[in-house]
Amino acid sequence: MPPSHSNVPLGTCTPGFSGTITSFSPNADAETASIIDRLREMGFSEDLGVEVLHQNPFGKDPIAVKVGSMTLALRRAEANLIEVVPT
């Protein structure tokens, strides 16, 4: 896979980014696994398209992402648990 299509954490992406969710953080301890479960309950799932819509003007929390027809706000630490590949 070319470098431009490698997995990146969603929390590192800037507004205008669109991609596909490929996986969740593989290094999940109990607390992280709980957050990943909550993200899945919110609608994040592998093979879904995701788009970064907005971010705090200073580049910090939160970021707004669109998954399917939903728009959700996430902390960057949470978004960094989601691995995406650009489309």
PDB file of N, CA and C in Angstrom:
ATOM      1  N   MET A   1       0.850  -1.180   0.000  1.00  0.00           N
ATOM      2  CA  MET A   1       0.000   0.000   0.000  1.00  0.00           C
ATOM      3  C   MET A   1       0.895   1.241   0.000  1.00  0.00           C
ATOM      4  N   PRO A   2       0.645   2.211  -0.857  1.00  0.00           N
ATOM      5  CA  PRO A   2       1.484   3.410  -0.898  1.00  0.00           C
ATOM      6  C   PRO A   2       1.388   4.192   0.406  1.00  0.00           C
ATOM      7  N   PRO A   3       2.425   4.950   0.768  1.00  0.00           N
ATOM      8  CA  PRO A   3       2.410   5.714   2.004  1.00  0.00           C
ATOM      9  C   PRO A   3       1.220   6.655   2.133  1.00  0.00           C
ATOM     10  N   SER A   4       0.732   7.196   1.017  1.00  0.00           N
ATOM     11  CA  SER A   4      -0.389   8.127   1.096  1.00  0.00           C
ATOM     12  C   SER A   4      -1.686   7.420   1.486  1.00  0.00           C
ATOM     13  N   HIS A   5      -1.682   6.099   1.445  1.00  0.00           N
ATOM     14  CA  HIS A   5      -2.882   5.347   1.798  1.00  0.00           C
ATOM     15  C   HIS A   5      -2.650   4.468   3.018  1.00  0.00           C
ATOM     16  N   SER A   6      -1.760   4.882   3.901  1.00  0.00           N
ATOM     17  CA  SER A   6      -1.533   4.105   5.111  1.00  0.00           C
ATOM     18  C   SER A   6      -2.474   4.578   6.211  1.00  0.00           C
ATOM     19  N   ASN A   7      -2.683   3.706   7.186  1.00  0.00           N
ATOM     20  CA  ASN A   7      -3.568   4.042   8.302  1.00  0.00           C
ATOM     21  C   ASN A   7      -2.998   5.199   9.105  1.00  0.00           C
ATOM     22  N   VAL A   8      -3.891   6.086   9.523  1.00  0.00           N
ATOM     23  CA  VAL A   8      -3.532   7.202  10.400  1.00  0.00           C
ATOM     24  C   VAL A   8      -4.610   7.316  11.468  1.00  0.00           C
ATOM     25  N   PRO A   9      -4.272   7.822  12.643  1.00  0.00           N
ATOM     26  CA  PRO A   9      -5.294   8.055  13.657  1.00  0.00           C
ATOM     27  C   PRO A   9      -6.212   9.202  13.222  1.00  0.00           C
ATOM     28  N   LEU A  10      -7.500   9.039  13.423  1.00  0.00           N
ATOM     29  CA  LEU A  10      -8.466  10.061  13.029  1.00  0.00           C
ATOM     30  C   LEU A  10      -8.183  11.393  13.714  1.00  0.00           C
ATOM     31  N   GLY A  11      -7.677  11.364  14.935  1.00  0.00           N
ATOM     32  CA  GLY A  11      -7.414  12.590  15.675  1.00  0.00           C
ATOM     33  C   GLY A  11      -6.311  13.447  15.086  1.00  0.00           C
ATOM     34  N   THR A  12      -5.519  12.898  14.175  1.00  0.00           N
ATOM     35  CA  THR A  12      -4.446  13.669  13.546  1.00  0.00           C
ATOM     36  C   THR A  12      -4.901  14.329  12.242  1.00  0.00           C
ATOM     37  N   CYS A  13      -6.116  14.030  11.808  1.00  0.00           N
ATOM     38  CA  CYS A  13      -6.619  14.545  10.535  1.00  0.00           C
ATOM     39  C   CYS A  13      -7.204  15.942  10.714  1.00  0.00           C
ATOM     40  N   THR A  14      -7.145  16.724   9.668  1.00  0.00           N
ATOM     41  CA  THR A  14      -7.621  18.102   9.694  1.00  0.00           C
ATOM     42  C   THR A  14      -8.946  18.219   8.940  1.00  0.00           C
ATOM     43  N   PRO A  15      -9.676  19.319   9.141  1.00  0.00           N
ATOM     44  CA  PRO A  15     -10.940  19.502   8.418  1.00  0.00           C
ATOM     45  C   PRO A  15     -10.747  19.349   6.915  1.00  0.00           C
ATOM     46  N   GLY A  16     -11.707  18.683   6.299  1.00  0.00           N
ATOM     47  CA  GLY A  16     -11.634  18.394   4.874  1.00  0.00           C
ATOM     48  C   GLY A  16     -11.186  16.979   4.596  1.00  0.00           C
ATOM     49  N   PHE A  17     -10.603  16.312   5.600  1.00  0.00           N
ATOM     50  CA  PHE A  17     -10.170  14.926   5.433  1.00  0.00           C
ATOM     51  C   PHE A  17     -11.387  14.025   5.272  1.00  0.00           C
ATOM     52  N   SER A  18     -11.311  13.092   4.337  1.00  0.00           N
ATOM     53  CA  SER A  18     -12.319  12.034   4.251  1.00  0.00           C
ATOM     54  C   SER A  18     -11.597  10.718   4.063  1.00  0.00           C
ATOM     55  N   GLY A  19     -12.128   9.702   4.691  1.00  0.00           N
ATOM     56  CA  GLY A  19     -11.498   8.403   4.631  1.00  0.00           C
ATOM     57  C   GLY A  19     -12.448   7.309   5.076  1.00  0.00           C
ATOM     58  N   THR A  20     -11.869   6.147   5.321  1.00  0.00           N
ATOM     59  CA  THR A  20     -12.622   4.974   5.739  1.00  0.00           C
ATOM     60  C   THR A  20     -12.021   4.442   7.024  1.00  0.00           C
ATOM     61  N   ILE A  21     -12.862   4.098   7.968  1.00  0.00           N
ATOM     62  CA  ILE A  21     -12.394   3.505   9.220  1.00  0.00           C
ATOM     63  C   ILE A  21     -11.906   2.089   8.926  1.00  0.00           C
ATOM     64  N   THR A  22     -10.674   1.802   9.349  1.00  0.00           N
ATOM     65  CA  THR A  22     -10.114   0.473   9.109  1.00  0.00           C
ATOM     66  C   THR A  22     -10.064  -0.373  10.367  1.00  0.00           C
ATOM     67  N   SER A  23      -9.830   0.257  11.524  1.00  0.00           N
ATOM     68  CA  SER A  23      -9.722  -0.505  12.764  1.00  0.00           C
ATOM     69  C   SER A  23      -9.725   0.453  13.942  1.00  0.00           C
ATOM     70  N   PHE A  24      -9.633  -0.133  15.119  1.00  0.00           N
ATOM     71  CA  PHE A  24      -9.499   0.636  16.349  1.00  0.00           C
ATOM     72  C   PHE A  24      -8.150   0.299  16.964  1.00  0.00           C
ATOM     73  N   SER A  25      -7.697   1.110  17.881  1.00  0.00           N
ATOM     74  CA  SER A  25      -6.376   0.950  18.483  1.00  0.00           C
ATOM     75  C   SER A  25      -6.145  -0.496  18.928  1.00  0.00           C
ATOM     76  N   PRO A  26      -5.063  -1.099  18.441  1.00  0.00           N
ATOM     77  CA  PRO A  26      -4.784  -2.486  18.824  1.00  0.00           C
ATOM     78  C   PRO A  26      -4.178  -2.608  20.222  1.00  0.00           C
ATOM     79  N   ASN A  27      -3.705  -1.519  20.797  1.00  0.00           N
ATOM     80  CA  ASN A  27      -3.045  -1.541  22.106  1.00  0.00           C
ATOM     81  C   ASN A  27      -4.004  -1.058  23.188  1.00  0.00           C
ATOM     82  N   ALA A  28      -5.135  -1.740  23.318  1.00  0.00           N
ATOM     83  CA  ALA A  28      -6.174  -1.276  24.221  1.00  0.00           C
ATOM     84  C   ALA A  28      -6.075  -1.934  25.595  1.00  0.00           C
ATOM     85  N   ASP A  29      -5.890  -1.097  26.614  1.00  0.00           N
ATOM     86  CA  ASP A  29      -5.996  -1.596  27.981  1.00  0.00           C
ATOM     87  C   ASP A  29      -7.486  -1.562  28.351  1.00  0.00           C
ATOM     88  N   ALA A  30      -7.829  -1.877  29.587  1.00  0.00           N
ATOM     89  CA  ALA A  30      -9.239  -1.954  29.984  1.00  0.00           C
ATOM     90  C   ALA A  30      -9.958  -0.625  29.798  1.00  0.00           C
ATOM     91  N   GLU A  31      -9.315   0.481  30.175  1.00  0.00           N
ATOM     92  CA  GLU A  31      -9.952   1.795  30.035  1.00  0.00           C
ATOM     93  C   GLU A  31     -10.145   2.152  28.570  1.00  0.00           C
ATOM     94  N   THR A  32      -9.128   1.910  27.760  1.00  0.00           N
ATOM     95  CA  THR A  32      -9.212   2.208  26.331  1.00  0.00           C
ATOM     96  C   THR A  32     -10.256   1.328  25.659  1.00  0.00           C
ATOM     97  N   ALA A  33     -10.325   0.075  26.040  1.00  0.00           N
ATOM     98  CA  ALA A  33     -11.326  -0.833  25.466  1.00  0.00           C
ATOM     99  C   ALA A  33     -12.731  -0.336  25.771  1.00  0.00           C
ATOM    100  N   SER A  34     -12.930   0.232  26.946  1.00  0.00           N
ATOM    101  CA  SER A  34     -14.228   0.790  27.317  1.00  0.00           C
ATOM    102  C   SER A  34     -14.582   1.974  26.411  1.00  0.00           C
ATOM    103  N   ILE A  35     -13.606   2.815  26.116  1.00  0.00           N
ATOM    104  CA  ILE A  35     -13.834   3.963  25.225  1.00  0.00           C
ATOM    105  C   ILE A  35     -14.147   3.468  23.816  1.00  0.00           C
ATOM    106  N   ILE A  36     -13.429   2.449  23.355  1.00  0.00           N
ATOM    107  CA  ILE A  36     -13.682   1.887  22.022  1.00  0.00           C
ATOM    108  C   ILE A  36     -15.093   1.312  21.948  1.00  0.00           C
ATOM    109  N   ASP A  37     -15.531   0.632  23.006  1.00  0.00           N
ATOM    110  CA  ASP A  37     -16.905   0.115  23.044  1.00  0.00           C
ATOM    111  C   ASP A  37     -17.911   1.252  22.917  1.00  0.00           C
ATOM    112  N   ARG A  38     -17.647   2.365  23.614  1.00  0.00           N
ATOM    113  CA  ARG A  38     -18.546   3.527  23.542  1.00  0.00           C
ATOM    114  C   ARG A  38     -18.552   4.130  22.139  1.00  0.00           C
ATOM    115  N   LEU A  39     -17.390   4.196  21.496  1.00  0.00           N
ATOM    116  CA  LEU A  39     -17.325   4.705  20.123  1.00  0.00           C
ATOM    117  C   LEU A  39     -18.144   3.822  19.186  1.00  0.00           C
ATOM    118  N   ARG A  40     -18.053   2.511  19.375  1.00  0.00           N
ATOM    119  CA  ARG A  40     -18.850   1.591  18.547  1.00  0.00           C
ATOM    120  C   ARG A  40     -20.342   1.808  18.787  1.00  0.00           C
ATOM    121  N   GLU A  41     -20.737   2.028  20.041  1.00  0.00           N
ATOM    122  CA  GLU A  41     -22.137   2.289  20.355  1.00  0.00           C
ATOM    123  C   GLU A  41     -22.614   3.593  19.718  1.00  0.00           C
ATOM    124  N   MET A  42     -21.699   4.547  19.557  1.00  0.00           N
ATOM    125  CA  MET A  42     -22.040   5.836  18.941  1.00  0.00           C
ATOM    126  C   MET A  42     -22.204   5.717  17.428  1.00  0.00           C
ATOM    127  N   GLY A  43     -21.724   4.611  16.837  1.00  0.00           N
ATOM    128  CA  GLY A  43     -21.898   4.410  15.404  1.00  0.00           C
ATOM    129  C   GLY A  43     -20.629   4.242  14.603  1.00  0.00           C
ATOM    130  N   PHE A  44     -19.464   4.300  15.253  1.00  0.00           N
ATOM    131  CA  PHE A  44     -18.210   4.090  14.540  1.00  0.00           C
ATOM    132  C   PHE A  44     -18.010   2.599  14.318  1.00  0.00           C
ATOM    133  N   SER A  45     -17.658   2.226  13.097  1.00  0.00           N
ATOM    134  CA  SER A  45     -17.456   0.825  12.768  1.00  0.00           C
ATOM    135  C   SER A  45     -16.499   0.723  11.584  1.00  0.00           C
ATOM    136  N   GLU A  46     -15.816  -0.411  11.493  1.00  0.00           N
ATOM    137  CA  GLU A  46     -14.907  -0.637  10.378  1.00  0.00           C
ATOM    138  C   GLU A  46     -15.665  -0.539   9.054  1.00  0.00           C
ATOM    139  N   ASP A  47     -14.973  -0.069   8.039  1.00  0.00           N
ATOM    140  CA  ASP A  47     -15.467   0.064   6.666  1.00  0.00           C
ATOM    141  C   ASP A  47     -16.491   1.179   6.467  1.00  0.00           C
ATOM    142  N   LEU A  48     -16.707   2.020   7.477  1.00  0.00           N
ATOM    143  CA  LEU A  48     -17.589   3.176   7.307  1.00  0.00           C
ATOM    144  C   LEU A  48     -16.777   4.395   6.882  1.00  0.00           C
ATOM    145  N   GLY A  49     -17.379   5.220   6.056  1.00  0.00           N
ATOM    146  CA  GLY A  49     -16.746   6.472   5.661  1.00  0.00           C
ATOM    147  C   GLY A  49     -16.813   7.476   6.799  1.00  0.00           C
ATOM    148  N   VAL A  50     -15.786   8.302   6.898  1.00  0.00           N
ATOM    149  CA  VAL A  50     -15.728   9.325   7.938  1.00  0.00           C
ATOM    150  C   VAL A  50     -15.132  10.592   7.331  1.00  0.00           C
ATOM    151  N   GLU A  51     -15.627  11.733   7.790  1.00  0.00           N
ATOM    152  CA  GLU A  51     -15.136  13.023   7.301  1.00  0.00           C
ATOM    153  C   GLU A  51     -14.933  13.953   8.492  1.00  0.00           C
ATOM    154  N   VAL A  52     -13.798  14.649   8.508  1.00  0.00           N
ATOM    155  CA  VAL A  52     -13.558  15.637   9.558  1.00  0.00           C
ATOM    156  C   VAL A  52     -14.148  16.957   9.075  1.00  0.00           C
ATOM    157  N   LEU A  53     -15.117  17.483   9.839  1.00  0.00           N
ATOM    158  CA  LEU A  53     -15.827  18.696   9.434  1.00  0.00           C
ATOM    159  C   LEU A  53     -15.227  19.962  10.025  1.00  0.00           C
ATOM    160  N   HIS A  54     -14.986  19.959  11.331  1.00  0.00           N
ATOM    161  CA  HIS A  54     -14.536  21.162  12.029  1.00  0.00           C
ATOM    162  C   HIS A  54     -13.569  20.779  13.140  1.00  0.00           C
ATOM    163  N   GLN A  55     -12.793  21.766  13.569  1.00  0.00           N
ATOM    164  CA  GLN A  55     -11.965  21.597  14.758  1.00  0.00           C
ATOM    165  C   GLN A  55     -11.940  22.928  15.500  1.00  0.00           C
ATOM    166  N   ASN A  56     -11.588  22.865  16.747  1.00  0.00           N
ATOM    167  CA  ASN A  56     -11.414  24.072  17.540  1.00  0.00           C
ATOM    168  C   ASN A  56     -10.439  24.978  16.798  1.00  0.00           C
ATOM    169  N   PRO A  57     -10.657  26.281  16.767  1.00  0.00           N
ATOM    170  CA  PRO A  57      -9.775  27.182  16.025  1.00  0.00           C
ATOM    171  C   PRO A  57      -8.303  27.094  16.435  1.00  0.00           C
ATOM    172  N   PHE A  58      -8.039  26.635  17.637  1.00  0.00           N
ATOM    173  CA  PHE A  58      -6.656  26.532  18.095  1.00  0.00           C
ATOM    174  C   PHE A  58      -6.092  25.133  17.907  1.00  0.00           C
ATOM    175  N   GLY A  59      -6.816  24.270  17.183  1.00  0.00           N
ATOM    176  CA  GLY A  59      -6.329  22.940  16.870  1.00  0.00           C
ATOM    177  C   GLY A  59      -6.427  21.948  18.016  1.00  0.00           C
ATOM    178  N   LYS A  60      -7.256  22.261  18.993  1.00  0.00           N
ATOM    179  CA  LYS A  60      -7.401  21.362  20.137  1.00  0.00           C
ATOM    180  C   LYS A  60      -8.787  20.729  20.117  1.00  0.00           C
ATOM    181  N   ASP A  61      -9.237  20.264  21.277  1.00  0.00           N
ATOM    182  CA  ASP A  61     -10.547  19.616  21.385  1.00  0.00           C
ATOM    183  C   ASP A  61     -11.661  20.635  21.280  1.00  0.00           C
ATOM    184  N   PRO A  62     -12.817  20.234  20.799  1.00  0.00           N
ATOM    185  CA  PRO A  62     -13.137  18.966  20.151  1.00  0.00           C
ATOM    186  C   PRO A  62     -12.986  19.072  18.639  1.00  0.00           C
ATOM    187  N   ILE A  63     -13.194  17.933  17.969  1.00  0.00           N
ATOM    188  CA  ILE A  63     -13.306  17.934  16.512  1.00  0.00           C
ATOM    189  C   ILE A  63     -14.699  17.408  16.184  1.00  0.00           C
ATOM    190  N   ALA A  64     -15.263  17.860  15.077  1.00  0.00           N
ATOM    191  CA  ALA A  64     -16.565  17.386  14.608  1.00  0.00           C
ATOM    192  C   ALA A  64     -16.326  16.477  13.413  1.00  0.00           C
ATOM    193  N   VAL A  65     -16.888  15.281  13.471  1.00  0.00           N
ATOM    194  CA  VAL A  65     -16.733  14.316  12.381  1.00  0.00           C
ATOM    195  C   VAL A  65     -18.098  13.846  11.923  1.00  0.00           C
ATOM    196  N   LYS A  66     -18.166  13.495  10.663  1.00  0.00           N
ATOM    197  CA  LYS A  66     -19.400  12.954  10.099  1.00  0.00           C
ATOM    198  C   LYS A  66     -19.167  11.480   9.805  1.00  0.00           C
ATOM    199  N   VAL A  67     -20.042  10.645  10.343  1.00  0.00           N
ATOM    200  CA  VAL A  67     -20.017   9.209  10.093  1.00  0.00           C
ATOM    201  C   VAL A  67     -21.411   8.844   9.605  1.00  0.00           C
ATOM    202  N   GLY A  68     -21.512   8.413   8.356  1.00  0.00           N
ATOM    203  CA  GLY A  68     -22.838   8.171   7.782  1.00  0.00           C
ATOM    204  C   GLY A  68     -23.597   9.485   7.752  1.00  0.00           C
ATOM    205  N   SER A  69     -24.798   9.490   8.333  1.00  0.00           N
ATOM    206  CA  SER A  69     -25.597  10.720   8.359  1.00  0.00           C
ATOM    207  C   SER A  69     -25.482  11.450   9.693  1.00  0.00           C
ATOM    208  N   MET A  70     -24.632  10.952  10.589  1.00  0.00           N
ATOM    209  CA  MET A  70     -24.480  11.561  11.918  1.00  0.00           C
ATOM    210  C   MET A  70     -23.283  12.492  11.965  1.00  0.00           C
ATOM    211  N   THR A  71     -23.415  13.578  12.719  1.00  0.00           N
ATOM    212  CA  THR A  71     -22.301  14.465  13.017  1.00  0.00           C
ATOM    213  C   THR A  71     -22.057  14.364  14.513  1.00  0.00           C
ATOM    214  N   LEU A  72     -20.816  14.047  14.879  1.00  0.00           N
ATOM    215  CA  LEU A  72     -20.451  13.827  16.275  1.00  0.00           C
ATOM    216  C   LEU A  72     -19.233  14.658  16.644  1.00  0.00           C
ATOM    217  N   ALA A  73     -19.168  15.069  17.898  1.00  0.00           N
ATOM    218  CA  ALA A  73     -17.994  15.773  18.415  1.00  0.00           C
ATOM    219  C   ALA A  73     -17.195  14.798  19.266  1.00  0.00           C
ATOM    220  N   LEU A  74     -15.882  14.796  19.070  1.00  0.00           N
ATOM    221  CA  LEU A  74     -14.990  13.890  19.799  1.00  0.00           C
ATOM    222  C   LEU A  74     -13.798  14.642  20.351  1.00  0.00           C
ATOM    223  N   ARG A  75     -13.280  14.151  21.445  1.00  0.00           N
ATOM    224  CA  ARG A  75     -11.977  14.607  21.915  1.00  0.00           C
ATOM    225  C   ARG A  75     -10.931  13.977  21.002  1.00  0.00           C
ATOM    226  N   ARG A  76      -9.815  14.654  20.827  1.00  0.00           N
ATOM    227  CA  ARG A  76      -8.763  14.090  19.976  1.00  0.00           C
ATOM    228  C   ARG A  76      -8.235  12.763  20.524  1.00  0.00           C
ATOM    229  N   ALA A  77      -8.158  12.639  21.847  1.00  0.00           N
ATOM    230  CA  ALA A  77      -7.682  11.380  22.440  1.00  0.00           C
ATOM    231  C   ALA A  77      -8.597  10.219  22.038  1.00  0.00           C
ATOM    232  N   GLU A  78      -9.894  10.470  21.984  1.00  0.00           N
ATOM    233  CA  GLU A  78     -10.834   9.435  21.542  1.00  0.00           C
ATOM    234  C   GLU A  78     -10.673   9.173  20.048  1.00  0.00           C
ATOM    235  N   ALA A  79     -10.574  10.239  19.268  1.00  0.00           N
ATOM    236  CA  ALA A  79     -10.442  10.094  17.814  1.00  0.00           C
ATOM    237  C   ALA A  79      -9.146   9.380  17.454  1.00  0.00           C
ATOM    238  N   ASN A  80      -8.108   9.508  18.269  1.00  0.00           N
ATOM    239  CA  ASN A  80      -6.847   8.831  17.993  1.00  0.00           C
ATOM    240  C   ASN A  80      -6.933   7.331  18.159  1.00  0.00           C
ATOM    241  N   LEU A  81      -8.004   6.828  18.748  1.00  0.00           N
ATOM    242  CA  LEU A  81      -8.208   5.382  18.881  1.00  0.00           C
ATOM    243  C   LEU A  81      -8.792   4.771  17.614  1.00  0.00           C
ATOM    244  N   ILE A  82      -9.215   5.635  16.676  1.00  0.00           N
ATOM    245  CA  ILE A  82      -9.829   5.184  15.431  1.00  0.00           C
ATOM    246  C   ILE A  82      -8.798   5.309  14.305  1.00  0.00           C
ATOM    247  N   GLU A  83      -8.492   4.195  13.667  1.00  0.00           N
ATOM    248  CA  GLU A  83      -7.550   4.172  12.540  1.00  0.00           C
ATOM    249  C   GLU A  83      -8.325   4.346  11.241  1.00  0.00           C
ATOM    250  N   VAL A  84      -7.870   5.249  10.378  1.00  0.00           N
ATOM    251  CA  VAL A  84      -8.529   5.516   9.103  1.00  0.00           C
ATOM    252  C   VAL A  84      -7.523   5.489   7.966  1.00  0.00           C
ATOM    253  N   VAL A  85      -8.027   5.289   6.775  1.00  0.00           N
ATOM    254  CA  VAL A  85      -7.209   5.384   5.572  1.00  0.00           C
ATOM    255  C   VAL A  85      -7.886   6.409   4.659  1.00  0.00           C
ATOM    256  N   PRO A  86      -7.103   7.316   4.084  1.00  0.00           N
ATOM    257  CA  PRO A  86      -7.695   8.330   3.180  1.00  0.00           C
ATOM    258  C   PRO A  86      -8.352   7.692   1.975  1.00  0.00           C
ATOM    259  N   THR A  87      -9.419   8.345   1.493  1.00  0.00           N
ATOM    260  CA  THR A  87     -10.086   7.842   0.276  1.00  0.00           C
ATOM    261  C   THR A  87      -9.800   8.767  -0.879  1.00  0.00           C
TER     262      THR A  87
END
